[in-house]
């Protein structure tokens, strides 16, 4: 006969203790399952990223896009008020040797037109003291050609400056004063009238 503790066998297990043992056993199994799931990884999904930064050049006229002769045209040199020009660029130094600012008239024989006569580009001069032509030069050059691209017109072009590009100034800009002159020394019989024309400014990389 089993030893007794009072009226209950000493090896008897109460229902409360049995429930506690069952709960502990279930918790141990559940914890084991959780530990077995730690460290699982999925297959790798790769995302290919691509981004392009475009090179750019620009020219602007901070003081406005018009210039008027302070006085009236007279025989000989006639100087306009200087025109402020701002140029900016963001290029690849390994693929760009220089940046040039080109000025030109679309129709060199009719740079400025009046009611009964015209002023050709050969009588129009320009200079940029901080750039290329430090002395006045006429708009009689040819276009600047870079590969399939050309800037300017035949017989009506003047390069105002050529800025060399390196790794230190691939992103940069500059401000220059463009000085313009109409020289009527060879046109003393130009009829009295108002003459108007358009000068184009364009930046090209080389």
C-alpha atoms as a PDB file:
ATOM      1  CA  UNK A   1       0.000   0.000   0.000  1.00  0.00           C
ATOM      2  CA  UNK A   2       1.324   3.430  -0.827  1.00  0.00           C
ATOM      3  CA  UNK A   3       2.322   5.710   1.943  1.00  0.00           C
ATOM      4  CA  UNK A   4      -0.246   8.312   2.686  1.00  0.00           C
ATOM      5  CA  UNK A   5      -0.201  11.889   3.685  1.00  0.00           C
ATOM      6  CA  UNK A   6      -3.392  12.112   5.574  1.00  0.00           C
ATOM      7  CA  UNK A   7      -6.058  10.594   3.314  1.00  0.00           C
ATOM      8  CA  UNK A   8      -4.147  11.327   0.007  1.00  0.00           C
ATOM      9  CA  UNK A   9      -1.278   9.296  -1.426  1.00  0.00           C
ATOM     10  CA  UNK A  10       1.968  11.264  -1.329  1.00  0.00           C
ATOM     11  CA  UNK A  11       2.538  10.524  -5.068  1.00  0.00           C
ATOM     12  CA  UNK A  12      -0.844  11.866  -6.096  1.00  0.00           C
ATOM     13  CA  UNK A  13      -0.791  14.989  -8.300  1.00  0.00           C
ATOM     14  CA  UNK A  14      -3.469  17.593  -7.958  1.00  0.00           C
ATOM     15  CA  UNK A  15      -5.387  18.818 -11.007  1.00  0.00           C
ATOM     16  CA  UNK A  16      -3.969  22.316 -10.494  1.00  0.00           C
ATOM     17  CA  UNK A  17      -0.416  21.060 -10.693  1.00  0.00           C
ATOM     18  CA  UNK A  18      -1.255  18.975 -13.762  1.00  0.00           C
ATOM     19  CA  UNK A  19      -2.615  22.025 -15.542  1.00  0.00           C
ATOM     20  CA  UNK A  20       0.522  23.971 -14.664  1.00  0.00           C
ATOM     21  CA  UNK A  21       2.760  21.220 -16.033  1.00  0.00           C
ATOM     22  CA  UNK A  22       0.682  21.062 -19.216  1.00  0.00           C
ATOM     23  CA  UNK A  23       0.937  24.841 -19.721  1.00  0.00           C
ATOM     24  CA  UNK A  24       4.703  24.804 -19.201  1.00  0.00           C
ATOM     25  CA  UNK A  25       5.096  21.949 -21.668  1.00  0.00           C
ATOM     26  CA  UNK A  26       2.978  23.754 -24.267  1.00  0.00           C
ATOM     27  CA  UNK A  27       4.988  26.984 -23.754  1.00  0.00           C
ATOM     28  CA  UNK A  28       8.238  25.093 -24.231  1.00  0.00           C
ATOM     29  CA  UNK A  29       6.979  23.605 -27.513  1.00  0.00           C
ATOM     30  CA  UNK A  30       5.720  27.017 -28.720  1.00  0.00           C
ATOM     31  CA  UNK A  31       9.034  28.693 -27.815  1.00  0.00           C
ATOM     32  CA  UNK A  32      10.907  26.001 -29.685  1.00  0.00           C
ATOM     33  CA  UNK A  33       8.816  26.675 -32.800  1.00  0.00           C
ATOM     34  CA  UNK A  34       9.492  30.430 -32.534  1.00  0.00           C
ATOM     35  CA  UNK A  35      13.220  29.870 -32.182  1.00  0.00           C
ATOM     36  CA  UNK A  36      13.154  27.619 -35.229  1.00  0.00           C
ATOM     37  CA  UNK A  37      11.707  30.551 -37.312  1.00  0.00           C
ATOM     38  CA  UNK A  38      14.392  33.105 -36.334  1.00  0.00           C
ATOM     39  CA  UNK A  39      16.906  33.807 -39.098  1.00  0.00           C
ATOM     40  CA  UNK A  40      14.738  32.781 -42.057  1.00  0.00           C
ATOM     41  CA  UNK A  41      15.508  34.813 -45.202  1.00  0.00           C
ATOM     42  CA  UNK A  42      13.782  35.225 -48.513  1.00  0.00           C
ATOM     43  CA  UNK A  43      15.328  35.046 -51.945  1.00  0.00           C
ATOM     44  CA  UNK A  44      17.110  38.288 -52.939  1.00  0.00           C
ATOM     45  CA  UNK A  45      15.186  40.719 -55.175  1.00  0.00           C
ATOM     46  CA  UNK A  46      17.582  43.062 -57.018  1.00  0.00           C
ATOM     47  CA  UNK A  47      16.569  46.556 -58.170  1.00  0.00           C
ATOM     48  CA  UNK A  48      18.648  48.105 -60.962  1.00  0.00           C
ATOM     49  CA  UNK A  49      19.033  51.886 -60.478  1.00  0.00           C
ATOM     50  CA  UNK A  50      19.912  54.272 -63.295  1.00  0.00           C
ATOM     51  CA  UNK A  51      20.087  58.078 -63.363  1.00  0.00           C
ATOM     52  CA  UNK A  52      21.319  60.532 -65.992  1.00  0.00           C
ATOM     53  CA  UNK A  53      22.560  64.065 -65.438  1.00  0.00           C
ATOM     54  CA  UNK A  54      22.355  66.152 -68.607  1.00  0.00           C
ATOM     55  CA  UNK A  55      25.064  68.659 -69.488  1.00  0.00           C
ATOM     56  CA  UNK A  56      23.833  72.221 -69.975  1.00  0.00           C
ATOM     57  CA  UNK A  57      24.944  75.639 -71.191  1.00  0.00           C
ATOM     58  CA  UNK A  58      23.046  78.926 -71.088  1.00  0.00           C
ATOM     59  CA  UNK A  59      23.339  82.625 -71.842  1.00  0.00           C
ATOM     60  CA  UNK A  60      21.231  85.439 -70.399  1.00  0.00           C
ATOM     61  CA  UNK A  61      21.034  89.237 -70.489  1.00  0.00           C
ATOM     62  CA  UNK A  62      20.571  90.553 -66.925  1.00  0.00           C
ATOM     63  CA  UNK A  63      20.049  94.136 -68.107  1.00  0.00           C
ATOM     64  CA  UNK A  64      17.441  93.267 -70.748  1.00  0.00           C
ATOM     65  CA  UNK A  65      17.528  92.150 -74.361  1.00  0.00           C
ATOM     66  CA  UNK A  66      17.662  95.521 -76.111  1.00  0.00           C
ATOM     67  CA  UNK A  67      20.348  98.132 -76.712  1.00  0.00           C
ATOM     68  CA  UNK A  68      19.885 101.653 -78.061  1.00  0.00           C
ATOM     69  CA  UNK A  69      22.515 104.017 -79.334  1.00  0.00           C
ATOM     70  CA  UNK A  70      22.802 106.877 -76.803  1.00  0.00           C
ATOM     71  CA  UNK A  71      22.792 109.471 -79.593  1.00  0.00           C
ATOM     72  CA  UNK A  72      22.060 109.469 -83.304  1.00  0.00           C
ATOM     73  CA  UNK A  73      24.094 107.759 -86.002  1.00  0.00           C
ATOM     74  CA  UNK A  74      26.882 109.919 -87.349  1.00  0.00           C
ATOM     75  CA  UNK A  75      29.612 109.323 -89.896  1.00  0.00           C
ATOM     76  CA  UNK A  76      32.384 107.385 -88.196  1.00  0.00           C
ATOM     77  CA  UNK A  77      32.224 105.170 -85.029  1.00  0.00           C
ATOM     78  CA  UNK A  78      28.969 105.013 -83.057  1.00  0.00           C
ATOM     79  CA  UNK A  79      29.231 103.203 -79.716  1.00  0.00           C
ATOM     80  CA  UNK A  80      26.336 101.583 -77.886  1.00  0.00           C
ATOM     81  CA  UNK A  81      26.044 101.386 -74.109  1.00  0.00           C
ATOM     82  CA  UNK A  82      27.752  98.128 -72.981  1.00  0.00           C
ATOM     83  CA  UNK A  83      25.481  95.084 -72.779  1.00  0.00           C
ATOM     84  CA  UNK A  84      25.802  92.780 -69.742  1.00  0.00           C
ATOM     85  CA  UNK A  85      25.993  89.095 -70.701  1.00  0.00           C
ATOM     86  CA  UNK A  86      25.948  86.154 -68.256  1.00  0.00           C
ATOM     87  CA  UNK A  87      27.022  82.696 -69.362  1.00  0.00           C
ATOM     88  CA  UNK A  88      26.752  79.452 -67.379  1.00  0.00           C
ATOM     89  CA  UNK A  89      27.716  75.833 -68.025  1.00  0.00           C
ATOM     90  CA  UNK A  90      27.614  72.418 -66.388  1.00  0.00           C
ATOM     91  CA  UNK A  91      29.588  69.990 -68.553  1.00  0.00           C
ATOM     92  CA  UNK A  92      31.756  66.878 -68.365  1.00  0.00           C
ATOM     93  CA  UNK A  93      35.445  67.886 -68.350  1.00  0.00           C
ATOM     94  CA  UNK A  94      36.490  64.590 -69.954  1.00  0.00           C
ATOM     95  CA  UNK A  95      34.262  65.293 -72.958  1.00  0.00           C
ATOM     96  CA  UNK A  96      34.438  69.096 -73.212  1.00  0.00           C
ATOM     97  CA  UNK A  97      37.545  71.040 -74.160  1.00  0.00           C
ATOM     98  CA  UNK A  98      36.050  74.530 -74.111  1.00  0.00           C
ATOM     99  CA  UNK A  99      32.894  76.628 -74.050  1.00  0.00           C
ATOM    100  CA  UNK A 100      32.500  79.467 -76.560  1.00  0.00           C
ATOM    101  CA  UNK A 101      30.099  82.407 -76.678  1.00  0.00           C
ATOM    102  CA  UNK A 102      29.235  83.170 -80.287  1.00  0.00           C
ATOM    103  CA  UNK A 103      27.478  86.322 -81.554  1.00  0.00           C
ATOM    104  CA  UNK A 104      26.063  86.515 -85.071  1.00  0.00           C
ATOM    105  CA  UNK A 105      23.566  88.094 -87.445  1.00  0.00           C
ATOM    106  CA  UNK A 106      21.308  85.733 -89.379  1.00  0.00           C
ATOM    107  CA  UNK A 107      21.604  87.865 -92.548  1.00  0.00           C
ATOM    108  CA  UNK A 108      25.037  89.514 -92.604  1.00  0.00           C
ATOM    109  CA  UNK A 109      24.183  91.779 -95.533  1.00  0.00           C
ATOM    110  CA  UNK A 110      21.168  93.099 -93.606  1.00  0.00           C
ATOM    111  CA  UNK A 111      22.409  93.349 -90.017  1.00  0.00           C
ATOM    112  CA  UNK A 112      20.322  96.483 -89.411  1.00  0.00           C
ATOM    113  CA  UNK A 113      17.545  97.484 -91.784  1.00  0.00           C
ATOM    114  CA  UNK A 114      15.982 100.864 -92.437  1.00  0.00           C
ATOM    115  CA  UNK A 115      13.183 101.988 -94.761  1.00  0.00           C
ATOM    116  CA  UNK A 116      15.469 102.675 -97.715  1.00  0.00           C
ATOM    117  CA  UNK A 117      18.894 101.253 -96.814  1.00  0.00           C
ATOM    118  CA  UNK A 118      20.655  98.602 -94.751  1.00  0.00           C
ATOM    119  CA  UNK A 119      23.749  98.370 -92.560  1.00  0.00           C
ATOM    120  CA  UNK A 120      25.778  95.180 -93.186  1.00  0.00           C
ATOM    121  CA  UNK A 121      27.460  93.194 -90.419  1.00  0.00           C
ATOM    122  CA  UNK A 122      30.839  94.315 -91.822  1.00  0.00           C
ATOM    123  CA  UNK A 123      30.029  97.777 -90.435  1.00  0.00           C
ATOM    124  CA  UNK A 124      29.085  96.380 -87.009  1.00  0.00           C
ATOM    125  CA  UNK A 125      31.820  95.718 -84.460  1.00  0.00           C
ATOM    126  CA  UNK A 126      31.997  94.114 -81.074  1.00  0.00           C
ATOM    127  CA  UNK A 127      34.442  93.391 -78.302  1.00  0.00           C
ATOM    128  CA  UNK A 128      34.569  91.812 -74.842  1.00  0.00           C
ATOM    129  CA  UNK A 129      37.511  93.296 -72.912  1.00  0.00           C
ATOM    130  CA  UNK A 130      37.492  90.290 -70.547  1.00  0.00           C
ATOM    131  CA  UNK A 131      37.075  87.778 -73.364  1.00  0.00           C
ATOM    132  CA  UNK A 132      38.271  87.205 -76.921  1.00  0.00           C
ATOM    133  CA  UNK A 133      38.294  90.373 -79.039  1.00  0.00           C
ATOM    134  CA  UNK A 134      39.767  93.017 -76.695  1.00  0.00           C
ATOM    135  CA  UNK A 135      39.810  95.443 -79.613  1.00  0.00           C
ATOM    136  CA  UNK A 136      36.753  96.047 -81.775  1.00  0.00           C
ATOM    137  CA  UNK A 137      36.334  93.366 -84.448  1.00  0.00           C
ATOM    138  CA  UNK A 138      33.718  93.192 -87.178  1.00  0.00           C
ATOM    139  CA  UNK A 139      31.024  90.539 -87.468  1.00  0.00           C
ATOM    140  CA  UNK A 140      32.475  88.958 -90.593  1.00  0.00           C
ATOM    141  CA  UNK A 141      33.640  85.546 -89.363  1.00  0.00           C
ATOM    142  CA  UNK A 142      32.294  82.121 -90.181  1.00  0.00           C
ATOM    143  CA  UNK A 143      30.255  79.823 -87.955  1.00  0.00           C
ATOM    144  CA  UNK A 144      31.837  77.782 -85.165  1.00  0.00           C
ATOM    145  CA  UNK A 145      31.454  74.109 -86.086  1.00  0.00           C
ATOM    146  CA  UNK A 146      31.567  71.273 -83.558  1.00  0.00           C
ATOM    147  CA  UNK A 147      30.811  67.916 -85.153  1.00  0.00           C
ATOM    148  CA  UNK A 148      27.359  68.144 -86.741  1.00  0.00           C
ATOM    149  CA  UNK A 149      26.498  71.390 -84.896  1.00  0.00           C
ATOM    150  CA  UNK A 150      27.277  74.903 -86.148  1.00  0.00           C
ATOM    151  CA  UNK A 151      26.855  78.185 -84.296  1.00  0.00           C
ATOM    152  CA  UNK A 152      26.729  81.390 -86.289  1.00  0.00           C
ATOM    153  CA  UNK A 153      26.355  82.432 -89.897  1.00  0.00           C
ATOM    154  CA  UNK A 154      28.772  82.715 -92.804  1.00  0.00           C
ATOM    155  CA  UNK A 155      30.215  86.232 -92.907  1.00  0.00           C
ATOM    156  CA  UNK A 156      28.241  87.490 -89.889  1.00  0.00           C
ATOM    157  CA  UNK A 157      29.840  85.882 -86.815  1.00  0.00           C
ATOM    158  CA  UNK A 158      32.124  86.994 -83.993  1.00  0.00           C
ATOM    159  CA  UNK A 159      33.381  84.737 -81.171  1.00  0.00           C
ATOM    160  CA  UNK A 160      33.199  86.792 -77.982  1.00  0.00           C
ATOM    161  CA  UNK A 161      35.179  84.402 -75.795  1.00  0.00           C
ATOM    162  CA  UNK A 162      36.428  80.823 -75.564  1.00  0.00           C
ATOM    163  CA  UNK A 163      36.621  79.415 -72.020  1.00  0.00           C
ATOM    164  CA  UNK A 164      38.877  76.402 -71.535  1.00  0.00           C
ATOM    165  CA  UNK A 165      37.302  73.638 -69.409  1.00  0.00           C
ATOM    166  CA  UNK A 166      39.040  71.465 -66.827  1.00  0.00           C
ATOM    167  CA  UNK A 167      38.005  69.468 -63.778  1.00  0.00           C
ATOM    168  CA  UNK A 168      38.053  72.592 -61.608  1.00  0.00           C
ATOM    169  CA  UNK A 169      35.620  74.684 -63.673  1.00  0.00           C
ATOM    170  CA  UNK A 170      33.373  72.102 -65.337  1.00  0.00           C
ATOM    171  CA  UNK A 171      30.548  73.713 -63.366  1.00  0.00           C
ATOM    172  CA  UNK A 172      30.842  77.464 -63.662  1.00  0.00           C
ATOM    173  CA  UNK A 173      29.948  80.694 -65.364  1.00  0.00           C
ATOM    174  CA  UNK A 174      31.091  84.222 -66.107  1.00  0.00           C
ATOM    175  CA  UNK A 175      29.787  87.751 -66.658  1.00  0.00           C
ATOM    176  CA  UNK A 176      31.048  89.989 -69.445  1.00  0.00           C
ATOM    177  CA  UNK A 177      30.261  93.375 -70.945  1.00  0.00           C
ATOM    178  CA  UNK A 178      29.667  93.272 -74.682  1.00  0.00           C
ATOM    179  CA  UNK A 179      30.561  96.573 -76.327  1.00  0.00           C
ATOM    180  CA  UNK A 180      28.982  97.243 -79.713  1.00  0.00           C
ATOM    181  CA  UNK A 181      29.886  99.757 -82.395  1.00  0.00           C
ATOM    182  CA  UNK A 182      28.480 100.785 -85.777  1.00  0.00           C
ATOM    183  CA  UNK A 183      31.168 102.375 -87.913  1.00  0.00           C
ATOM    184  CA  UNK A 184      29.791 104.431 -90.808  1.00  0.00           C
ATOM    185  CA  UNK A 185      33.173 105.622 -92.024  1.00  0.00           C
ATOM    186  CA  UNK A 186      32.587 103.762 -95.300  1.00  0.00           C
ATOM    187  CA  UNK A 187      28.895 104.699 -95.494  1.00  0.00           C
ATOM    188  CA  UNK A 188      28.771 108.499 -95.299  1.00  0.00           C
ATOM    189  CA  UNK A 189      25.678 108.705 -97.504  1.00  0.00           C
ATOM    190  CA  UNK A 190      23.454 106.495 -95.349  1.00  0.00           C
ATOM    191  CA  UNK A 191      19.904 107.951 -95.475  1.00  0.00           C
ATOM    192  CA  UNK A 192      18.537 109.460 -92.286  1.00  0.00           C
ATOM    193  CA  UNK A 193      16.171 106.880 -90.750  1.00  0.00           C
ATOM    194  CA  UNK A 194      15.759 104.411 -87.915  1.00  0.00           C
ATOM    195  CA  UNK A 195      17.715 101.172 -88.371  1.00  0.00           C
ATOM    196  CA  UNK A 196      16.979  98.006 -86.411  1.00  0.00           C
ATOM    197  CA  UNK A 197      18.369  94.496 -86.308  1.00  0.00           C
ATOM    198  CA  UNK A 198      18.827  91.427 -84.089  1.00  0.00           C
ATOM    199  CA  UNK A 199      22.115  90.094 -82.749  1.00  0.00           C
ATOM    200  CA  UNK A 200      22.005  86.436 -81.707  1.00  0.00           C
ATOM    201  CA  UNK A 201      24.057  85.047 -78.805  1.00  0.00           C
ATOM    202  CA  UNK A 202      24.689  81.329 -78.507  1.00  0.00           C
ATOM    203  CA  UNK A 203      26.909  79.141 -76.322  1.00  0.00           C
ATOM    204  CA  UNK A 204      28.513  76.063 -77.864  1.00  0.00           C
ATOM    205  CA  UNK A 205      30.822  73.425 -76.395  1.00  0.00           C
ATOM    206  CA  UNK A 206      33.914  72.246 -78.246  1.00  0.00           C
END
